[in-house]
Amino acid sequence: MNLQDLGYKNLANLAWEVQRWRLTVPSLCGAILLSQFVLATDPVQAQPPAPVLPGLPAAPPAGPEEEGAALLPEYLFGPVTNEAIETMLVDSEIDLNDRAMKASRIHALADMYRSSRSWHGDFNGFRVRNSIATELELNVWKQQVDDYFKRRIKNLEGIMKEKDAYQQKADQLVRIRRDNQRRVLSQIYSNPRYAGKPESVMNELLVGFSNTPIGYGVGLEEYFATNPSHSNWDLSPEMFESLRVKSPKNKGGQLEFSLSDPVPLQLDWWPPVFREQLFQAAIRNVEAKRDQLMALSERNPQLPIEAINAFDDAMAQLSVEFYSVFPPPWQNMPTERVLELIAAERHLIQVSREVEAIRDRGTLNAMTRGQYFDPLRDGENAATLIAWMTRTGMQFASPRPGHEDAYATLMGQMKEMFVIFGDPLPDPEAPLPKTNPRRATDIPRPQ
């Protein structure tokens, strides 16, 4: 730069800067030299000995603690053992029975080892502390895995015990059912004039015939090929009008019908209570809705749900009127009147079950394909009737008033046949059948 080109003001500024640096540089250099001299003459501080673990080198000693620095616990400077860890946990005043709290404390100790201030300046010491922290965390992790599988084993043992209890309950139900059957059949054996509800006795006899050739449809001709004495067990067509059967339960609904007319909702008979003048209007409404269902069924077997609901509403109205006139309990009424009310209530329940079954089926056909009763084939004699009822799962229903003679005749025939062809009485000491091929007790327990 040509100084002649600079003005008077610029020359004055330059001279002032040169003078300032001449005064500042010696002081700055002196301060730097003094600091280097102090660092060079400072004695080396000794570090405490580091814990020595197998396979790891010892850390160099560290200098004395700085003033104001936080004091580290003594267990940070000793070898880590199980006893040392327990001492750490006891000193921390935690509940050693609480595994979650204990694990959290050990994780905190591991973090403390990693962040130990005295070892940050030394790689070897930091490696020792990091290995200690990792070992602590691995021990906690192994304990957690062990606890997890122990819980699973306990849960499986509880589930298997529960299955064993269910199996014992099922065995007990089978035993009770077998004892009841033996009691009833013993009474029939010992007393041919055993008096009871005919439908109950005949249903018990059906159970007794279920495991015999009669129950499987073997005709009497196989037993009496040359002896026509089995004609005593033939059935007359008039008996089919009196005998009423019940279909197997289906979703709460159950149909009841006679063998001569397998159509449900046969409202040709009402209990004495409903024949009183108080209920005639409601009865006519129910019968009208039933006739409407029959007319629709003749045109299309699949009934519309609206027609079924209309009949159900009519029955509900009849029930409301019945309980409004005779509100329970019926304690202050004569015994004969109470029995009539109970019969009327049972009739309402039976019709309601039939409505539920019809709503589920969508048709008035009481029998599905394969269940149709053929009087010439299935009603030839008592044996063929037993085979048909066993095959279809039907049961005898209560007789209508005035039709008890047909039940008495058939019950006598079934008793005679059971004495000759029936299955022997079950042995109460015989082992129960295994209802479940793989019981919970067959599953090996984990050791």
Foldseek 3Di string as FASTA:
>chain_A
DDPVPDDPVVVVVVVVVVVVCVVPVVVVVVVVVVVVVVVVPDDAAFADWAEDDPPADTWGGHGDDDPPDDDDDPLLRYDDDPVSLVVVVVVVPDDPVPLVVSLVVLLVVLVCLQVPPRPPVPPRRNVVSNVVSVVSNVVSVVVVVVVVVVVVLVVLVVVQVVLVVVQVVVLVVVLVVQVVLLVLVVCCVVPVPDDDQLQVSVQSLLVQCCPFVLQQPDDCCVVCVPDPPQQLFADDPVLQQFWKKWADADPQAIFIDGLVDQFGPPPPDAFPVCVDPQNPVLVVQLVVLVVVQVVVCVVPQQADPVSLVSNVVSLVVSVVSLCVVPPDDPPPDDPVVVVSSVVNVVVSSNVVSNSVVCSVVRGRRNDDPPLRDDCVQQRRGLSSVSNSCSVRVMGTDRTDPPSVVSSVSSSSSSSVCCVVGTDDRDDSPDDDDNPDPDRSVNDDRDD
